Amino acid sequence: MPRGTLEVLLVGAKGLENTDFLSNMDPYVIMTCRTQEQKSSVASGKGTEPEWNENFVFSVSDGVSELSIKIMDSDNVTDDDFVGEAKIPLEAVFMEGSLPPTAYNVVKDEEYHGEIRIGLSFTPEGGGDQRSCEQEESYGGWKDSSY
């Protein structure tokens, strides 16, 4: 599995289920990449069509295969409401390097509850392509030197 830096562009969401009955909901997103967790700002009063346009950076190490997205509704009086979640597999961004903002299904209780748009880019550790480094070493780089 690759190691490096994963950049996440949280664009927005649409078609979310409104969890507030009397007013527009105030959604925010919690992103989890293995043990790292980051939280977006609250899109106050934006309801079911929030936009964030925020960037987040995660360190990727061995064993990371997906980015978990939880959409919550910020409530002042009661506990925040769970709106839905999306699981984004990271294999494609590891191979491609970057993916333009793409819509991912938001699911709650195994039912479709809208979509969230997220762009991804991945920079391997060391800044270069890992495969080219491995090839150079296998041809007898300095590591094979007898000095």
C-alpha atoms as a PDB file:
ATOM      1  CA  MET A   1       0.000   0.000   0.000  1.00  0.00           C
ATOM      2  CA  PRO A   2       1.246   3.488  -0.762  1.00  0.00           C
ATOM      3  CA  ARG A   3       2.467   6.042   1.733  1.00  0.00           C
ATOM      4  CA  GLY A   4       2.188   9.759   1.208  1.00  0.00           C
ATOM      5  CA  THR A   5      -0.181  12.711   1.415  1.00  0.00           C
ATOM      6  CA  LEU A   6      -3.866  12.592   0.535  1.00  0.00           C
ATOM      7  CA  GLU A   7      -5.490  15.941  -0.234  1.00  0.00           C
ATOM      8  CA  VAL A   8      -9.266  16.081  -0.043  1.00  0.00           C
ATOM      9  CA  LEU A   9     -11.338  18.866  -1.598  1.00  0.00           C
ATOM     10  CA  LEU A  10     -14.763  18.915   0.036  1.00  0.00           C
ATOM     11  CA  VAL A  11     -16.922  20.677  -2.562  1.00  0.00           C
ATOM     12  CA  GLY A  12     -20.518  20.279  -1.446  1.00  0.00           C
ATOM     13  CA  ALA A  13     -23.547  18.014  -1.247  1.00  0.00           C
ATOM     14  CA  LYS A  14     -27.024  17.873  -2.678  1.00  0.00           C
ATOM     15  CA  GLY A  15     -30.257  15.998  -2.154  1.00  0.00           C
ATOM     16  CA  LEU A  16     -29.557  15.423   1.541  1.00  0.00           C
ATOM     17  CA  GLU A  17     -32.399  14.520   3.861  1.00  0.00           C
ATOM     18  CA  ASN A  18     -33.412  17.531   5.952  1.00  0.00           C
ATOM     19  CA  THR A  19     -33.184  16.480   9.601  1.00  0.00           C
ATOM     20  CA  ASP A  20     -34.537  19.810  10.925  1.00  0.00           C
ATOM     21  CA  PHE A  21     -38.309  20.130  10.759  1.00  0.00           C
ATOM     22  CA  LEU A  22     -38.708  23.855  11.421  1.00  0.00           C
ATOM     23  CA  SER A  23     -35.632  25.317   9.749  1.00  0.00           C
ATOM     24  CA  ASN A  24     -32.809  24.579   7.327  1.00  0.00           C
ATOM     25  CA  MET A  25     -30.230  22.216   8.709  1.00  0.00           C
ATOM     26  CA  ASP A  26     -26.631  23.238   9.399  1.00  0.00           C
ATOM     27  CA  PRO A  27     -24.552  20.414   7.923  1.00  0.00           C
ATOM     28  CA  TYR A  28     -20.889  19.663   8.510  1.00  0.00           C
ATOM     29  CA  VAL A  29     -18.654  16.757   7.559  1.00  0.00           C
ATOM     30  CA  ILE A  30     -16.387  14.514   9.609  1.00  0.00           C
ATOM     31  CA  MET A  31     -13.721  12.810   7.482  1.00  0.00           C
ATOM     32  CA  THR A  32     -11.817   9.810   8.792  1.00  0.00           C
ATOM     33  CA  CYS A  33      -8.756   8.267   7.186  1.00  0.00           C
ATOM     34  CA  ARG A  34      -7.830   5.329   9.418  1.00  0.00           C
ATOM     35  CA  THR A  35      -7.036   7.000  12.782  1.00  0.00           C
ATOM     36  CA  GLN A  36      -7.003  10.622  11.547  1.00  0.00           C
ATOM     37  CA  GLU A  37     -10.193  12.628  11.828  1.00  0.00           C
ATOM     38  CA  GLN A  38     -10.906  16.106  10.484  1.00  0.00           C
ATOM     39  CA  LYS A  39     -14.042  18.213  10.619  1.00  0.00           C
ATOM     40  CA  SER A  40     -15.316  20.782   8.122  1.00  0.00           C
ATOM     41  CA  SER A  41     -16.869  24.087   9.023  1.00  0.00           C
ATOM     42  CA  VAL A  42     -20.623  24.181   9.617  1.00  0.00           C
ATOM     43  CA  ALA A  43     -22.593  25.304   6.538  1.00  0.00           C
ATOM     44  CA  SER A  44     -25.042  27.341   8.611  1.00  0.00           C
ATOM     45  CA  GLY A  45     -28.573  27.402   7.230  1.00  0.00           C
ATOM     46  CA  LYS A  46     -27.517  25.803   3.934  1.00  0.00           C
ATOM     47  CA  GLY A  47     -30.005  22.953   4.312  1.00  0.00           C
ATOM     48  CA  THR A  48     -29.909  20.039   1.883  1.00  0.00           C
ATOM     49  CA  GLU A  49     -27.570  21.740  -0.680  1.00  0.00           C
ATOM     50  CA  PRO A  50     -24.491  22.812   1.349  1.00  0.00           C
ATOM     51  CA  GLU A  51     -21.236  24.036  -0.197  1.00  0.00           C
ATOM     52  CA  TRP A  52     -17.931  24.057   1.640  1.00  0.00           C
ATOM     53  CA  ASN A  53     -15.061  24.251  -0.878  1.00  0.00           C
ATOM     54  CA  GLU A  54     -12.556  23.343   1.835  1.00  0.00           C
ATOM     55  CA  ASN A  55      -9.273  21.434   1.599  1.00  0.00           C
ATOM     56  CA  PHE A  56      -8.043  18.807   4.037  1.00  0.00           C
ATOM     57  CA  VAL A  57      -4.747  16.907   4.180  1.00  0.00           C
ATOM     58  CA  PHE A  58      -4.211  13.407   5.548  1.00  0.00           C
ATOM     59  CA  SER A  59      -1.027  11.385   5.954  1.00  0.00           C
ATOM     60  CA  VAL A  60      -1.461   7.997   4.313  1.00  0.00           C
ATOM     61  CA  SER A  61       0.396   4.956   5.620  1.00  0.00           C
ATOM     62  CA  ASP A  62       0.225   1.234   4.969  1.00  0.00           C
ATOM     63  CA  GLY A  63      -3.214  -0.299   5.184  1.00  0.00           C
ATOM     64  CA  VAL A  64      -5.287   2.771   4.297  1.00  0.00           C
ATOM     65  CA  SER A  65      -7.846   1.800   1.661  1.00  0.00           C
ATOM     66  CA  GLU A  66     -10.765   4.211   2.094  1.00  0.00           C
ATOM     67  CA  LEU A  67     -11.841   7.634   3.260  1.00  0.00           C
ATOM     68  CA  SER A  68     -14.910   7.645   5.473  1.00  0.00           C
ATOM     69  CA  ILE A  69     -17.251  10.648   5.250  1.00  0.00           C
ATOM     70  CA  LYS A  70     -19.957  11.340   7.829  1.00  0.00           C
ATOM     71  CA  ILE A  71     -22.420  14.170   7.301  1.00  0.00           C
ATOM     72  CA  MET A  72     -23.885  15.619  10.474  1.00  0.00           C
ATOM     73  CA  ASP A  73     -26.402  18.367  11.229  1.00  0.00           C
ATOM     74  CA  SER A  74     -25.255  20.798  13.910  1.00  0.00           C
ATOM     75  CA  ASP A  75     -27.955  21.388  16.530  1.00  0.00           C
ATOM     76  CA  ASN A  76     -27.693  23.914  19.363  1.00  0.00           C
ATOM     77  CA  VAL A  77     -30.123  22.329  21.810  1.00  0.00           C
ATOM     78  CA  THR A  78     -29.986  18.588  21.137  1.00  0.00           C
ATOM     79  CA  ASP A  79     -27.241  16.222  19.971  1.00  0.00           C
ATOM     80  CA  ASP A  80     -26.134  16.686  16.361  1.00  0.00           C
ATOM     81  CA  ASP A  81     -28.131  14.567  13.907  1.00  0.00           C
ATOM     82  CA  PHE A  82     -26.560  11.929  11.668  1.00  0.00           C
ATOM     83  CA  VAL A  83     -27.510  12.780   8.062  1.00  0.00           C
ATOM     84  CA  GLY A  84     -25.654  10.019   6.199  1.00  0.00           C
ATOM     85  CA  GLU A  85     -22.254   8.676   5.239  1.00  0.00           C
ATOM     86  CA  ALA A  86     -20.117   7.803   2.241  1.00  0.00           C
ATOM     87  CA  LYS A  87     -17.156   5.444   1.935  1.00  0.00           C
ATOM     88  CA  ILE A  88     -14.663   6.439  -0.747  1.00  0.00           C
ATOM     89  CA  PRO A  89     -12.230   3.759  -1.937  1.00  0.00           C
ATOM     90  CA  LEU A  90      -8.750   5.234  -2.406  1.00  0.00           C
ATOM     91  CA  GLU A  91      -7.203   2.700  -4.786  1.00  0.00           C
ATOM     92  CA  ALA A  92      -8.065   4.782  -7.887  1.00  0.00           C
ATOM     93  CA  VAL A  93      -6.434   7.966  -6.527  1.00  0.00           C
ATOM     94  CA  PHE A  94      -3.324   5.989  -5.508  1.00  0.00           C
ATOM     95  CA  MET A  95      -3.013   4.793  -9.116  1.00  0.00           C
ATOM     96  CA  GLU A  96      -4.063   7.990 -10.942  1.00  0.00           C
ATOM     97  CA  GLY A  97      -2.558  10.623  -8.637  1.00  0.00           C
ATOM     98  CA  SER A  98      -5.684  12.781  -8.669  1.00  0.00           C
ATOM     99  CA  LEU A  99      -9.407  12.523  -9.256  1.00  0.00           C
ATOM    100  CA  PRO A 100     -11.594  15.534 -10.144  1.00  0.00           C
ATOM    101  CA  PRO A 101     -14.551  16.331  -7.873  1.00  0.00           C
ATOM    102  CA  THR A 102     -16.823  13.328  -8.104  1.00  0.00           C
ATOM    103  CA  ALA A 103     -20.277  12.635  -6.655  1.00  0.00           C
ATOM    104  CA  TYR A 104     -20.441   9.817  -4.102  1.00  0.00           C
ATOM    105  CA  ASN A 105     -23.692   8.400  -2.743  1.00  0.00           C
ATOM    106  CA  VAL A 106     -24.654   9.366   0.795  1.00  0.00           C
ATOM    107  CA  VAL A 107     -26.210   6.383   2.559  1.00  0.00           C
ATOM    108  CA  LYS A 108     -28.195   6.093   5.788  1.00  0.00           C
ATOM    109  CA  ASP A 109     -29.701   2.808   6.944  1.00  0.00           C
ATOM    110  CA  GLU A 110     -28.618   1.266   3.615  1.00  0.00           C
ATOM    111  CA  GLU A 111     -30.764   3.758   1.667  1.00  0.00           C
ATOM    112  CA  TYR A 112     -29.703   6.541  -0.732  1.00  0.00           C
ATOM    113  CA  HIS A 113     -29.900   9.972   0.944  1.00  0.00           C
ATOM    114  CA  GLY A 114     -28.251  12.325  -1.565  1.00  0.00           C
ATOM    115  CA  GLU A 115     -24.697  12.772  -2.763  1.00  0.00           C
ATOM    116  CA  ILE A 116     -21.495  14.510  -1.767  1.00  0.00           C
ATOM    117  CA  ARG A 117     -18.878  15.917  -4.179  1.00  0.00           C
ATOM    118  CA  ILE A 118     -15.255  15.326  -3.301  1.00  0.00           C
ATOM    119  CA  GLY A 119     -12.005  15.778  -5.232  1.00  0.00           C
ATOM    120  CA  LEU A 120      -8.912  13.784  -4.299  1.00  0.00           C
ATOM    121  CA  SER A 121      -5.200  13.988  -4.999  1.00  0.00           C
ATOM    122  CA  PHE A 122      -2.368  11.824  -3.737  1.00  0.00           C
ATOM    123  CA  THR A 123       1.339  12.611  -3.503  1.00  0.00           C
ATOM    124  CA  PRO A 124       3.529   9.564  -2.797  1.00  0.00           C
ATOM    125  CA  GLU A 125       6.084   9.834  -0.006  1.00  0.00           C
ATOM    126  CA  GLY A 126       9.316  11.268  -1.397  1.00  0.00           C
ATOM    127  CA  GLY A 127       7.417  13.174  -4.082  1.00  0.00           C
ATOM    128  CA  GLY A 128       8.202  10.768  -6.920  1.00  0.00           C
ATOM    129  CA  ASP A 129       6.569   7.740  -8.424  1.00  0.00           C
ATOM    130  CA  GLN A 130       7.276   4.747  -6.179  1.00  0.00           C
ATOM    131  CA  ARG A 131       7.588   2.306  -9.073  1.00  0.00           C
ATOM    132  CA  SER A 132      10.429   4.235 -10.708  1.00  0.00           C
ATOM    133  CA  CYS A 133      12.359   4.282  -7.415  1.00  0.00           C
ATOM    134  CA  GLU A 134      12.007   0.527  -7.049  1.00  0.00           C
ATOM    135  CA  GLN A 135      13.285  -0.017 -10.606  1.00  0.00           C
ATOM    136  CA  GLU A 136      16.374   2.113 -10.012  1.00  0.00           C
ATOM    137  CA  GLU A 137      17.246   0.224  -6.845  1.00  0.00           C
ATOM    138  CA  SER A 138      16.892  -3.164  -8.527  1.00  0.00           C
ATOM    139  CA  TYR A 139      19.557  -2.190 -11.097  1.00  0.00           C
ATOM    140  CA  GLY A 140      22.244  -1.898  -8.435  1.00  0.00           C
ATOM    141  CA  GLY A 141      21.992   1.548  -6.922  1.00  0.00           C
ATOM    142  CA  TRP A 142      24.158   2.716  -4.028  1.00  0.00           C
ATOM    143  CA  LYS A 143      22.413   0.288  -1.671  1.00  0.00           C
ATOM    144  CA  ASP A 144      24.185  -2.619  -3.421  1.00  0.00           C
ATOM    145  CA  SER A 145      27.600  -0.975  -3.167  1.00  0.00           C
ATOM    146  CA  SER A 146      30.280  -2.873  -1.235  1.00  0.00           C
ATOM    147  CA  TYR A 147      31.749   0.320   0.284  1.00  0.00           C
END
